Amino acid sequence: MIARGENIKIFCGNSNPVFAETICKELGLNICKGSVKNFSDGEVAVSLEETVREADVFLVQSTCKPVNDNLLELLVMIDACRRASAGRITAVIPYFGYARQDRKAKSRDPISAKLVANMLTAAGANRVLTMDLHAAQIQGFFDIPVDHLLGNPTFVKYFMDKFPEDKYDHNNFVVVAPDVGSVTRARAFAAKVHMGLAIVDKRRPKANVCEVMNIIGDVQDKCCILYDDMVDTAGSLCNAANALVEVGGAKEVYACATHGVLSGSAFDRIEQSVIKELVLHNTIPLTGNTPSNKIVQLDVAPIFARAISHIHFGTSIADLF
């Protein structure tokens, strides 16, 4: 908890105000007064109703759907704080959008993640705090410090509580990477929960469409936990889950991912899939009424609150890992 009277200010945009309020509650602070609205033509209008001169300012904003609106809100808020002589501006981005465009997959592709990093820096951000970037090397796209939090400790606690080793034989459990790109994070998770590792080999003929080809590893009659950083349309995740049961002979399938983008027909796919439970973090709010009772959200706002406290007081955040 940060003592009252310290020169710290926390503002939020419209993407996830509940998340920002939880952070402030953990820190024993009130969220600062300000408004982020739109003019009649859609332009972003930001008004800071508290002084930020020489303050340590944290702007909480996920760049989730609507991605471009939320990103521009963040950029304008950063600019407003910079022009109001804030001492330091930290962009707290629980979910960093455009992270999937981190390289040129084919000729004439943009590297949008680098562009967004440049925009945040040009707007005046001095630091970025985020969680589970789609590609860890995106940290190197920034010329300012990036604190990259990991979501797997929360998942480790959840599944170790759900399947304690004194009641369940973890030799009958397998952590599964839904694609080759997820192997590193899945391996780290598997080591912490003392389970085996398998990989779903897939080929993607075009964006948001995938074809499962093979399963690497033994999942026969085992409980599988699919582990990924995000779920967008849920096509890849559900196809992988179905393949584990139909091809690999898995007994049951759970899934977890840090960011629940859940666009398009994601909810319907999850509901109709063999997945028994999908565990997500609340870096992105679930919009409207969730039509699937399979989805569980874990709160990571306290982790961000602790990170903000460490950043504010200039101490290491290593204990968060």
C-alpha atoms as a PDB file:
ATOM      1  CA  MET A   1       0.000   0.000   0.000  1.00  0.00           C
ATOM      2  CA  ILE A   2       1.228   3.494  -0.860  1.00  0.00           C
ATOM      3  CA  ALA A   3       0.915   6.059   1.909  1.00  0.00           C
ATOM      4  CA  ARG A   4      -1.441   8.920   1.237  1.00  0.00           C
ATOM      5  CA  GLY A   5       0.243  12.140   0.275  1.00  0.00           C
ATOM      6  CA  GLU A   6       2.834  10.499  -1.975  1.00  0.00           C
ATOM      7  CA  ASN A   7       3.135  12.247  -5.334  1.00  0.00           C
ATOM      8  CA  ILE A   8       1.479   9.531  -7.418  1.00  0.00           C
ATOM      9  CA  LYS A   9      -1.454   9.883  -9.776  1.00  0.00           C
ATOM     10  CA  ILE A  10      -3.419   7.058 -11.445  1.00  0.00           C
ATOM     11  CA  PHE A  11      -5.777   7.783 -14.332  1.00  0.00           C
ATOM     12  CA  CYS A  12      -7.635   5.410 -16.618  1.00  0.00           C
ATOM     13  CA  GLY A  13      -9.230   5.421 -20.036  1.00  0.00           C
ATOM     14  CA  ASN A  14     -12.450   3.739 -21.102  1.00  0.00           C
ATOM     15  CA  SER A  15     -11.076   0.277 -21.924  1.00  0.00           C
ATOM     16  CA  ASN A  16     -11.154  -1.280 -18.438  1.00  0.00           C
ATOM     17  CA  PRO A  17     -12.073   1.170 -15.647  1.00  0.00           C
ATOM     18  CA  VAL A  18     -12.933  -1.630 -13.189  1.00  0.00           C
ATOM     19  CA  PHE A  19      -9.381  -2.940 -13.508  1.00  0.00           C
ATOM     20  CA  ALA A  20      -7.958   0.521 -12.742  1.00  0.00           C
ATOM     21  CA  GLU A  21     -10.252   0.951  -9.743  1.00  0.00           C
ATOM     22  CA  THR A  22      -9.101  -2.413  -8.350  1.00  0.00           C
ATOM     23  CA  ILE A  23      -5.469  -1.311  -8.703  1.00  0.00           C
ATOM     24  CA  CYS A  24      -6.218   1.881  -6.783  1.00  0.00           C
ATOM     25  CA  LYS A  25      -8.058  -0.062  -4.091  1.00  0.00           C
ATOM     26  CA  GLU A  26      -5.046  -2.361  -3.647  1.00  0.00           C
ATOM     27  CA  LEU A  27      -2.782   0.673  -3.288  1.00  0.00           C
ATOM     28  CA  GLY A  28      -5.128   2.520  -0.938  1.00  0.00           C
ATOM     29  CA  LEU A  29      -5.549   5.377  -3.395  1.00  0.00           C
ATOM     30  CA  ASN A  30      -8.437   7.052  -5.158  1.00  0.00           C
ATOM     31  CA  ILE A  31      -8.466   7.032  -8.931  1.00  0.00           C
ATOM     32  CA  CYS A  32      -7.746  10.533 -10.209  1.00  0.00           C
ATOM     33  CA  LYS A  33     -10.487  12.632 -11.698  1.00  0.00           C
ATOM     34  CA  GLY A  34     -10.489  13.043 -15.428  1.00  0.00           C
ATOM     35  CA  SER A  35     -12.639  12.379 -18.444  1.00  0.00           C
ATOM     36  CA  VAL A  36     -11.989  10.697 -21.744  1.00  0.00           C
ATOM     37  CA  LYS A  37     -14.821  11.435 -24.125  1.00  0.00           C
ATOM     38  CA  ASN A  38     -15.400  11.989 -27.823  1.00  0.00           C
ATOM     39  CA  PHE A  39     -16.402  15.001 -29.847  1.00  0.00           C
ATOM     40  CA  SER A  40     -19.396  14.575 -32.135  1.00  0.00           C
ATOM     41  CA  ASP A  41     -17.117  13.591 -35.030  1.00  0.00           C
ATOM     42  CA  GLY A  42     -15.401  10.893 -32.958  1.00  0.00           C
ATOM     43  CA  GLU A  43     -12.228  12.771 -32.013  1.00  0.00           C
ATOM     44  CA  VAL A  44     -10.867  11.950 -28.554  1.00  0.00           C
ATOM     45  CA  ALA A  45     -11.311  14.640 -25.917  1.00  0.00           C
ATOM     46  CA  VAL A  46      -9.251  14.274 -22.726  1.00  0.00           C
ATOM     47  CA  SER A  47      -9.586  16.466 -19.650  1.00  0.00           C
ATOM     48  CA  LEU A  48      -7.409  15.988 -16.558  1.00  0.00           C
ATOM     49  CA  GLU A  49      -9.202  17.445 -13.564  1.00  0.00           C
ATOM     50  CA  GLU A  50      -6.259  17.141 -11.149  1.00  0.00           C
ATOM     51  CA  THR A  51      -2.786  18.643 -11.235  1.00  0.00           C
ATOM     52  CA  VAL A  52      -0.028  16.306 -12.381  1.00  0.00           C
ATOM     53  CA  ARG A  53       2.908  18.723 -12.226  1.00  0.00           C
ATOM     54  CA  GLU A  54       6.047  16.757 -11.259  1.00  0.00           C
ATOM     55  CA  ALA A  55       3.844  13.790 -10.295  1.00  0.00           C
ATOM     56  CA  ASP A  56       4.528  10.109 -10.952  1.00  0.00           C
ATOM     57  CA  VAL A  57       1.620   9.399 -13.324  1.00  0.00           C
ATOM     58  CA  PHE A  58       0.303   5.948 -14.240  1.00  0.00           C
ATOM     59  CA  LEU A  59      -2.205   5.674 -17.100  1.00  0.00           C
ATOM     60  CA  VAL A  60      -4.146   2.389 -17.084  1.00  0.00           C
ATOM     61  CA  GLN A  61      -5.469   1.420 -20.495  1.00  0.00           C
ATOM     62  CA  SER A  62      -5.688  -1.915 -22.319  1.00  0.00           C
ATOM     63  CA  THR A  63      -5.500  -1.577 -26.090  1.00  0.00           C
ATOM     64  CA  CYS A  64      -8.289  -4.103 -26.618  1.00  0.00           C
ATOM     65  CA  LYS A  65     -11.411  -3.818 -28.776  1.00  0.00           C
ATOM     66  CA  PRO A  66     -12.069  -1.184 -30.073  1.00  0.00           C
ATOM     67  CA  VAL A  67      -8.293  -1.293 -30.443  1.00  0.00           C
ATOM     68  CA  ASN A  68      -7.718   1.910 -32.392  1.00  0.00           C
ATOM     69  CA  ASP A  69     -10.016   3.977 -30.158  1.00  0.00           C
ATOM     70  CA  ASN A  70      -8.385   2.724 -26.978  1.00  0.00           C
ATOM     71  CA  LEU A  71      -4.881   3.194 -28.362  1.00  0.00           C
ATOM     72  CA  LEU A  72      -5.614   6.770 -29.396  1.00  0.00           C
ATOM     73  CA  GLU A  73      -7.159   7.492 -25.983  1.00  0.00           C
ATOM     74  CA  LEU A  74      -3.922   6.351 -24.370  1.00  0.00           C
ATOM     75  CA  LEU A  75      -1.774   8.446 -26.697  1.00  0.00           C
ATOM     76  CA  VAL A  76      -3.837  11.579 -26.064  1.00  0.00           C
ATOM     77  CA  MET A  77      -3.773  10.990 -22.291  1.00  0.00           C
ATOM     78  CA  ILE A  78       0.022  10.671 -22.421  1.00  0.00           C
ATOM     79  CA  ASP A  79       0.278  13.890 -24.396  1.00  0.00           C
ATOM     80  CA  ALA A  80      -2.026  15.704 -21.946  1.00  0.00           C
ATOM     81  CA  CYS A  81       0.146  14.605 -18.993  1.00  0.00           C
ATOM     82  CA  ARG A  82       3.371  15.562 -20.757  1.00  0.00           C
ATOM     83  CA  ARG A  83       2.064  19.035 -21.571  1.00  0.00           C
ATOM     84  CA  ALA A  84       0.900  19.403 -17.949  1.00  0.00           C
ATOM     85  CA  SER A  85       4.524  18.865 -16.789  1.00  0.00           C
ATOM     86  CA  ALA A  86       4.120  15.394 -15.269  1.00  0.00           C
ATOM     87  CA  GLY A  87       7.333  14.184 -13.646  1.00  0.00           C
ATOM     88  CA  ARG A  88       7.154  10.681 -15.140  1.00  0.00           C
ATOM     89  CA  ILE A  89       4.505   8.985 -17.255  1.00  0.00           C
ATOM     90  CA  THR A  90       4.058   5.201 -17.143  1.00  0.00           C
ATOM     91  CA  ALA A  91       1.680   3.609 -19.629  1.00  0.00           C
ATOM     92  CA  VAL A  92       0.085   0.634 -17.852  1.00  0.00           C
ATOM     93  CA  ILE A  93      -1.116  -1.587 -20.705  1.00  0.00           C
ATOM     94  CA  PRO A  94      -2.457  -4.902 -19.324  1.00  0.00           C
ATOM     95  CA  TYR A  95      -3.113  -6.093 -22.899  1.00  0.00           C
ATOM     96  CA  PHE A  96      -0.815  -4.718 -25.595  1.00  0.00           C
ATOM     97  CA  GLY A  97      -2.628  -4.687 -28.937  1.00  0.00           C
ATOM     98  CA  TYR A  98      -0.897  -5.074 -32.328  1.00  0.00           C
ATOM     99  CA  ALA A  99       1.603  -7.436 -30.650  1.00  0.00           C
ATOM    100  CA  ARG A 100       0.926 -10.170 -33.226  1.00  0.00           C
ATOM    101  CA  GLN A 101       2.384  -7.978 -35.981  1.00  0.00           C
ATOM    102  CA  ASP A 102       5.929  -8.224 -34.629  1.00  0.00           C
ATOM    103  CA  ARG A 103       7.787  -9.247 -37.811  1.00  0.00           C
ATOM    104  CA  LYS A 104       7.469  -9.392 -41.585  1.00  0.00           C
ATOM    105  CA  ALA A 105       5.821 -12.741 -42.250  1.00  0.00           C
ATOM    106  CA  LYS A 106       5.771 -12.006 -45.967  1.00  0.00           C
ATOM    107  CA  SER A 107       6.822  -9.277 -48.350  1.00  0.00           C
ATOM    108  CA  ARG A 108       5.437  -5.768 -47.758  1.00  0.00           C
ATOM    109  CA  ASP A 109       4.048  -6.598 -44.308  1.00  0.00           C
ATOM    110  CA  PRO A 110       4.150  -3.834 -41.683  1.00  0.00           C
ATOM    111  CA  ILE A 111       5.682  -4.310 -38.247  1.00  0.00           C
ATOM    112  CA  SER A 112       2.838  -2.620 -36.399  1.00  0.00           C
ATOM    113  CA  ALA A 113       4.106  -3.521 -32.915  1.00  0.00           C
ATOM    114  CA  LYS A 114       7.196  -1.394 -33.558  1.00  0.00           C
ATOM    115  CA  LEU A 115       5.027   1.433 -34.902  1.00  0.00           C
ATOM    116  CA  VAL A 116       2.888   1.414 -31.744  1.00  0.00           C
ATOM    117  CA  ALA A 117       6.037   1.408 -29.593  1.00  0.00           C
ATOM    118  CA  ASN A 118       7.297   4.464 -31.497  1.00  0.00           C
ATOM    119  CA  MET A 119       3.953   6.232 -31.091  1.00  0.00           C
ATOM    120  CA  LEU A 120       3.881   5.672 -27.322  1.00  0.00           C
ATOM    121  CA  THR A 121       7.418   6.988 -26.973  1.00  0.00           C
ATOM    122  CA  ALA A 122       6.778   9.984 -29.245  1.00  0.00           C
ATOM    123  CA  ALA A 123       3.620  10.862 -27.287  1.00  0.00           C
ATOM    124  CA  GLY A 124       5.748  11.197 -24.138  1.00  0.00           C
ATOM    125  CA  ALA A 125       5.591   7.910 -22.226  1.00  0.00           C
ATOM    126  CA  ASN A 126       8.654   7.346 -20.036  1.00  0.00           C
ATOM    127  CA  ARG A 127       7.929   3.733 -19.161  1.00  0.00           C
ATOM    128  CA  VAL A 128       5.601   0.850 -20.094  1.00  0.00           C
ATOM    129  CA  LEU A 129       4.116  -1.783 -17.795  1.00  0.00           C
ATOM    130  CA  THR A 130       2.417  -4.723 -19.485  1.00  0.00           C
ATOM    131  CA  MET A 131       1.760  -8.463 -19.161  1.00  0.00           C
ATOM    132  CA  ASP A 132       2.514 -11.452 -21.394  1.00  0.00           C
ATOM    133  CA  LEU A 133       3.400  -9.829 -24.687  1.00  0.00           C
ATOM    134  CA  HIS A 134       2.594 -12.078 -27.629  1.00  0.00           C
ATOM    135  CA  ALA A 135       6.308 -11.964 -28.494  1.00  0.00           C
ATOM    136  CA  ALA A 136       8.776 -11.151 -25.717  1.00  0.00           C
ATOM    137  CA  GLN A 137      11.157  -9.436 -28.148  1.00  0.00           C
ATOM    138  CA  ILE A 138       8.674  -6.570 -28.482  1.00  0.00           C
ATOM    139  CA  GLN A 139      10.332  -5.183 -25.354  1.00  0.00           C
ATOM    140  CA  GLY A 140      13.263  -4.369 -27.624  1.00  0.00           C
ATOM    141  CA  PHE A 141      11.041  -2.274 -29.899  1.00  0.00           C
ATOM    142  CA  PHE A 142      10.911   0.386 -27.186  1.00  0.00           C
ATOM    143  CA  ASP A 143      13.633   2.930 -26.430  1.00  0.00           C
ATOM    144  CA  ILE A 144      12.167   3.335 -22.935  1.00  0.00           C
ATOM    145  CA  PRO A 145      12.067   0.822 -20.046  1.00  0.00           C
ATOM    146  CA  VAL A 146       9.468  -1.947 -20.300  1.00  0.00           C
ATOM    147  CA  ASP A 147       8.379  -3.954 -17.253  1.00  0.00           C
ATOM    148  CA  HIS A 148       7.026  -7.239 -18.602  1.00  0.00           C
ATOM    149  CA  LEU A 149       4.884  -9.099 -16.061  1.00  0.00           C
ATOM    150  CA  LEU A 150       4.137 -12.812 -16.364  1.00  0.00           C
ATOM    151  CA  GLY A 151       0.696 -14.319 -15.949  1.00  0.00           C
ATOM    152  CA  ASN A 152       1.723 -17.914 -15.337  1.00  0.00           C
ATOM    153  CA  PRO A 153       2.177 -17.650 -11.510  1.00  0.00           C
ATOM    154  CA  THR A 154      -1.558 -16.973 -11.234  1.00  0.00           C
ATOM    155  CA  PHE A 155      -2.390 -19.968 -13.417  1.00  0.00           C
ATOM    156  CA  VAL A 156       0.049 -22.141 -11.477  1.00  0.00           C
ATOM    157  CA  LYS A 157      -1.713 -21.315  -8.207  1.00  0.00           C
ATOM    158  CA  TYR A 158      -5.156 -21.882  -9.735  1.00  0.00           C
ATOM    159  CA  PHE A 159      -4.400 -25.320 -11.172  1.00  0.00           C
ATOM    160  CA  MET A 160      -2.299 -26.480  -8.214  1.00  0.00           C
ATOM    161  CA  ASP A 161      -5.244 -25.614  -5.966  1.00  0.00           C
ATOM    162  CA  LYS A 162      -7.659 -27.314  -8.372  1.00  0.00           C
ATOM    163  CA  PHE A 163      -5.495 -30.420  -8.812  1.00  0.00           C
ATOM    164  CA  PRO A 164      -3.281 -30.694  -5.692  1.00  0.00           C
ATOM    165  CA  GLU A 165      -0.478 -33.220  -5.914  1.00  0.00           C
ATOM    166  CA  ASP A 166      -1.559 -34.957  -2.711  1.00  0.00           C
ATOM    167  CA  LYS A 167      -4.852 -35.915  -4.382  1.00  0.00           C
ATOM    168  CA  TYR A 168      -3.977 -36.129  -8.079  1.00  0.00           C
ATOM    169  CA  ASP A 169      -1.121 -37.920  -9.819  1.00  0.00           C
ATOM    170  CA  HIS A 170       0.417 -35.244 -12.023  1.00  0.00           C
ATOM    171  CA  ASN A 171       1.868 -37.949 -14.270  1.00  0.00           C
ATOM    172  CA  ASN A 172      -1.677 -38.191 -15.624  1.00  0.00           C
ATOM    173  CA  PHE A 173      -1.681 -34.503 -16.601  1.00  0.00           C
ATOM    174  CA  VAL A 174      -0.086 -32.858 -19.629  1.00  0.00           C
ATOM    175  CA  VAL A 175       0.395 -29.180 -20.435  1.00  0.00           C
ATOM    176  CA  VAL A 176      -0.157 -28.652 -24.156  1.00  0.00           C
ATOM    177  CA  ALA A 177       1.176 -25.877 -26.373  1.00  0.00           C
ATOM    178  CA  PRO A 178      -1.508 -25.204 -29.011  1.00  0.00           C
ATOM    179  CA  ASP A 179       1.182 -24.297 -31.557  1.00  0.00           C
ATOM    180  CA  VAL A 180       4.950 -24.255 -31.912  1.00  0.00           C
ATOM    181  CA  GLY A 181       5.132 -20.556 -31.022  1.00  0.00           C
ATOM    182  CA  SER A 182       3.694 -21.284 -27.570  1.00  0.00           C
ATOM    183  CA  VAL A 183       6.187 -24.008 -26.635  1.00  0.00           C
ATOM    184  CA  THR A 184       8.493 -21.822 -24.525  1.00  0.00           C
ATOM    185  CA  ARG A 185       5.746 -20.441 -22.289  1.00  0.00           C
ATOM    186  CA  ALA A 186       4.021 -23.850 -22.068  1.00  0.00           C
ATOM    187  CA  ARG A 187       7.296 -25.521 -21.054  1.00  0.00           C
ATOM    188  CA  ALA A 188       7.835 -22.985 -18.255  1.00  0.00           C
ATOM    189  CA  PHE A 189       4.273 -23.522 -17.028  1.00  0.00           C
ATOM    190  CA  ALA A 190       4.591 -27.317 -17.181  1.00  0.00           C
ATOM    191  CA  ALA A 191       7.763 -27.216 -15.073  1.00  0.00           C
ATOM    192  CA  LYS A 192       6.033 -25.208 -12.351  1.00  0.00           C
ATOM    193  CA  VAL A 193       2.999 -27.516 -12.116  1.00  0.00           C
ATOM    194  CA  HIS A 194       5.151 -30.667 -12.411  1.00  0.00           C
ATOM    195  CA  MET A 195       3.386 -31.993 -15.499  1.00  0.00           C
ATOM    196  CA  GLY A 196       4.467 -33.355 -18.860  1.00  0.00           C
ATOM    197  CA  LEU A 197       4.502 -31.379 -22.111  1.00  0.00           C
ATOM    198  CA  ALA A 198       2.895 -31.959 -25.512  1.00  0.00           C
ATOM    199  CA  ILE A 199       2.629 -29.841 -28.648  1.00  0.00           C
ATOM    200  CA  VAL A 200      -0.110 -29.479 -31.243  1.00  0.00           C
ATOM    201  CA  ASP A 201       1.443 -29.075 -34.682  1.00  0.00           C
ATOM    202  CA  LYS A 202      -0.793 -27.025 -36.928  1.00  0.00           C
ATOM    203  CA  ARG A 203      -0.698 -25.204 -40.208  1.00  0.00           C
ATOM    204  CA  ARG A 204      -2.578 -21.969 -40.807  1.00  0.00           C
ATOM    205  CA  PRO A 205      -3.598 -21.517 -44.470  1.00  0.00           C
ATOM    206  CA  LYS A 206      -4.818 -17.961 -43.806  1.00  0.00           C
ATOM    207  CA  ALA A 207      -5.479 -15.586 -40.917  1.00  0.00           C
ATOM    208  CA  ASN A 208      -7.815 -16.886 -38.183  1.00  0.00           C
ATOM    209  CA  VAL A 209      -8.107 -20.273 -39.926  1.00  0.00           C
ATOM    210  CA  CYS A 210      -6.004 -23.220 -38.793  1.00  0.00           C
ATOM    211  CA  GLU A 211      -5.721 -26.905 -39.576  1.00  0.00           C
ATOM    212  CA  VAL A 212      -4.461 -29.261 -36.885  1.00  0.00           C
ATOM    213  CA  MET A 213      -1.973 -31.714 -38.357  1.00  0.00           C
ATOM    214  CA  ASN A 214      -0.361 -33.737 -35.583  1.00  0.00           C
ATOM    215  CA  ILE A 215       0.107 -34.099 -31.821  1.00  0.00           C
ATOM    216  CA  ILE A 216       3.650 -34.366 -30.512  1.00  0.00           C
ATOM    217  CA  GLY A 217       3.681 -36.152 -27.163  1.00  0.00           C
ATOM    218  CA  ASP A 218       1.585 -38.714 -25.297  1.00  0.00           C
ATOM    219  CA  VAL A 219      -1.851 -37.474 -24.244  1.00  0.00           C
ATOM    220  CA  GLN A 220      -3.669 -40.824 -24.310  1.00  0.00           C
ATOM    221  CA  ASP A 221      -6.139 -41.057 -21.373  1.00  0.00           C
ATOM    222  CA  LYS A 222      -4.632 -37.958 -19.768  1.00  0.00           C
ATOM    223  CA  CYS A 223      -6.033 -34.641 -18.570  1.00  0.00           C
ATOM    224  CA  CYS A 224      -4.683 -31.880 -20.825  1.00  0.00           C
ATOM    225  CA  ILE A 225      -4.235 -28.190 -20.029  1.00  0.00           C
ATOM    226  CA  LEU A 226      -3.878 -26.023 -23.140  1.00  0.00           C
ATOM    227  CA  TYR A 227      -1.735 -22.992 -22.357  1.00  0.00           C
ATOM    228  CA  ASP A 228      -1.471 -19.872 -24.536  1.00  0.00           C
ATOM    229  CA  ASP A 229      -1.021 -16.119 -24.212  1.00  0.00           C
ATOM    230  CA  MET A 230      -4.308 -15.102 -25.855  1.00  0.00           C
ATOM    231  CA  VAL A 231      -7.593 -16.387 -27.239  1.00  0.00           C
ATOM    232  CA  ASP A 232      -8.969 -14.368 -30.145  1.00  0.00           C
ATOM    233  CA  THR A 233     -11.568 -16.157 -32.280  1.00  0.00           C
ATOM    234  CA  ALA A 234     -10.924 -19.380 -30.288  1.00  0.00           C
ATOM    235  CA  GLY A 235     -10.642 -21.335 -33.540  1.00  0.00           C
ATOM    236  CA  SER A 236      -7.076 -22.502 -32.915  1.00  0.00           C
ATOM    237  CA  LEU A 237      -7.764 -23.326 -29.277  1.00  0.00           C
ATOM    238  CA  CYS A 238     -10.946 -25.303 -29.942  1.00  0.00           C
ATOM    239  CA  ASN A 239      -9.442 -27.172 -32.905  1.00  0.00           C
ATOM    240  CA  ALA A 240      -6.466 -28.111 -30.737  1.00  0.00           C
ATOM    241  CA  ALA A 241      -8.772 -29.277 -27.935  1.00  0.00           C
ATOM    242  CA  ASN A 242     -10.856 -31.384 -30.308  1.00  0.00           C
ATOM    243  CA  ALA A 243      -7.710 -32.927 -31.815  1.00  0.00           C
ATOM    244  CA  LEU A 244      -6.397 -33.843 -28.366  1.00  0.00           C
ATOM    245  CA  VAL A 245      -9.551 -35.878 -27.729  1.00  0.00           C
ATOM    246  CA  GLU A 246     -10.251 -37.239 -31.221  1.00  0.00           C
ATOM    247  CA  VAL A 247      -6.686 -37.872 -32.387  1.00  0.00           C
ATOM    248  CA  GLY A 248      -4.689 -38.091 -29.189  1.00  0.00           C
ATOM    249  CA  GLY A 249      -7.269 -39.841 -27.023  1.00  0.00           C
ATOM    250  CA  ALA A 250      -7.132 -37.342 -24.159  1.00  0.00           C
ATOM    251  CA  LYS A 251      -9.567 -37.897 -21.296  1.00  0.00           C
ATOM    252  CA  GLU A 252     -10.502 -34.243 -20.735  1.00  0.00           C
ATOM    253  CA  VAL A 253      -9.240 -30.805 -21.752  1.00  0.00           C
ATOM    254  CA  TYR A 254      -8.869 -27.550 -19.826  1.00  0.00           C
ATOM    255  CA  ALA A 255      -7.449 -24.338 -21.242  1.00  0.00           C
ATOM    256  CA  CYS A 256      -5.941 -21.115 -19.949  1.00  0.00           C
ATOM    257  CA  ALA A 257      -4.732 -17.922 -21.577  1.00  0.00           C
ATOM    258  CA  THR A 258      -3.705 -14.529 -20.275  1.00  0.00           C
ATOM    259  CA  HIS A 259      -5.740 -12.361 -22.647  1.00  0.00           C
ATOM    260  CA  GLY A 260      -9.321 -13.179 -23.609  1.00  0.00           C
ATOM    261  CA  VAL A 261      -9.819 -11.158 -26.798  1.00  0.00           C
ATOM    262  CA  LEU A 262     -12.810 -13.370 -27.686  1.00  0.00           C
ATOM    263  CA  SER A 263     -13.847 -11.788 -30.962  1.00  0.00           C
ATOM    264  CA  GLY A 264     -16.289 -13.030 -33.575  1.00  0.00           C
ATOM    265  CA  SER A 265     -17.920 -16.356 -32.703  1.00  0.00           C
ATOM    266  CA  ALA A 266     -15.437 -17.166 -29.932  1.00  0.00           C
ATOM    267  CA  PHE A 267     -18.068 -17.685 -27.221  1.00  0.00           C
ATOM    268  CA  ASP A 268     -20.074 -20.105 -29.375  1.00  0.00           C
ATOM    269  CA  ARG A 269     -16.966 -22.065 -30.338  1.00  0.00           C
ATOM    270  CA  ILE A 270     -15.895 -22.404 -26.710  1.00  0.00           C
ATOM    271  CA  GLU A 271     -19.368 -23.504 -25.649  1.00  0.00           C
ATOM    272  CA  GLN A 272     -19.544 -26.153 -28.375  1.00  0.00           C
ATOM    273  CA  SER A 273     -15.980 -27.431 -27.884  1.00  0.00           C
ATOM    274  CA  VAL A 274     -14.731 -30.256 -25.669  1.00  0.00           C
ATOM    275  CA  ILE A 275     -13.015 -27.747 -23.378  1.00  0.00           C
ATOM    276  CA  LYS A 276     -14.352 -28.204 -19.843  1.00  0.00           C
ATOM    277  CA  GLU A 277     -13.095 -24.856 -18.552  1.00  0.00           C
ATOM    278  CA  LEU A 278     -11.290 -21.835 -20.009  1.00  0.00           C
ATOM    279  CA  VAL A 279      -9.378 -19.748 -17.465  1.00  0.00           C
ATOM    280  CA  LEU A 280      -8.516 -16.165 -18.419  1.00  0.00           C
ATOM    281  CA  HIS A 281      -7.045 -13.108 -16.755  1.00  0.00           C
ATOM    282  CA  ASN A 282      -9.060  -9.902 -16.554  1.00  0.00           C
ATOM    283  CA  THR A 283      -6.619  -7.823 -18.625  1.00  0.00           C
ATOM    284  CA  ILE A 284      -9.520  -7.488 -21.077  1.00  0.00           C
ATOM    285  CA  PRO A 285     -13.086  -7.090 -19.765  1.00  0.00           C
ATOM    286  CA  LEU A 286     -15.699  -9.596 -20.880  1.00  0.00           C
ATOM    287  CA  THR A 287     -18.173  -7.470 -22.791  1.00  0.00           C
ATOM    288  CA  GLY A 288     -21.871  -8.004 -22.146  1.00  0.00           C
ATOM    289  CA  ASN A 289     -23.278 -11.180 -20.623  1.00  0.00           C
ATOM    290  CA  THR A 290     -20.970 -14.133 -21.068  1.00  0.00           C
ATOM    291  CA  PRO A 291     -22.980 -16.835 -22.853  1.00  0.00           C
ATOM    292  CA  SER A 292     -20.570 -19.562 -21.726  1.00  0.00           C
ATOM    293  CA  ASN A 293     -20.348 -20.791 -18.141  1.00  0.00           C
ATOM    294  CA  LYS A 294     -17.070 -22.490 -19.071  1.00  0.00           C
ATOM    295  CA  ILE A 295     -15.141 -19.220 -18.728  1.00  0.00           C
ATOM    296  CA  VAL A 296     -13.422 -18.269 -15.460  1.00  0.00           C
ATOM    297  CA  GLN A 297     -11.612 -14.949 -14.983  1.00  0.00           C
ATOM    298  CA  LEU A 298      -8.739 -14.480 -12.535  1.00  0.00           C
ATOM    299  CA  ASP A 299      -7.923 -11.020 -11.202  1.00  0.00           C
ATOM    300  CA  VAL A 300      -4.378  -9.821 -11.921  1.00  0.00           C
ATOM    301  CA  ALA A 301      -4.981  -6.205 -10.866  1.00  0.00           C
ATOM    302  CA  PRO A 302      -3.217  -6.886  -7.517  1.00  0.00           C
ATOM    303  CA  ILE A 303      -0.082  -7.936  -9.450  1.00  0.00           C
ATOM    304  CA  PHE A 304      -0.150  -4.672 -11.394  1.00  0.00           C
ATOM    305  CA  ALA A 305      -0.714  -2.758  -8.151  1.00  0.00           C
ATOM    306  CA  ARG A 306       2.403  -4.319  -6.629  1.00  0.00           C
ATOM    307  CA  ALA A 307       4.392  -3.562  -9.783  1.00  0.00           C
ATOM    308  CA  ILE A 308       3.245   0.066  -9.718  1.00  0.00           C
ATOM    309  CA  SER A 309       4.317   0.320  -6.074  1.00  0.00           C
ATOM    310  CA  HIS A 310       7.771  -1.077  -6.920  1.00  0.00           C
ATOM    311  CA  ILE A 311       8.157   1.280  -9.887  1.00  0.00           C
ATOM    312  CA  HIS A 312       7.059   4.294  -7.840  1.00  0.00           C
ATOM    313  CA  PHE A 313       9.511   3.599  -5.031  1.00  0.00           C
ATOM    314  CA  GLY A 314      12.301   2.508  -7.372  1.00  0.00           C
ATOM    315  CA  THR A 315      12.620  -1.064  -6.098  1.00  0.00           C
ATOM    316  CA  SER A 316      13.032  -4.331  -7.979  1.00  0.00           C
ATOM    317  CA  ILE A 317       9.961  -6.147  -9.269  1.00  0.00           C
ATOM    318  CA  ALA A 318      11.799  -9.486  -9.357  1.00  0.00           C
ATOM    319  CA  ASP A 319       9.720 -10.843  -6.455  1.00  0.00           C
ATOM    320  CA  LEU A 320       6.630 -10.684  -8.691  1.00  0.00           C
ATOM    321  CA  PHE A 321       8.045 -13.579 -10.728  1.00  0.00           C
END
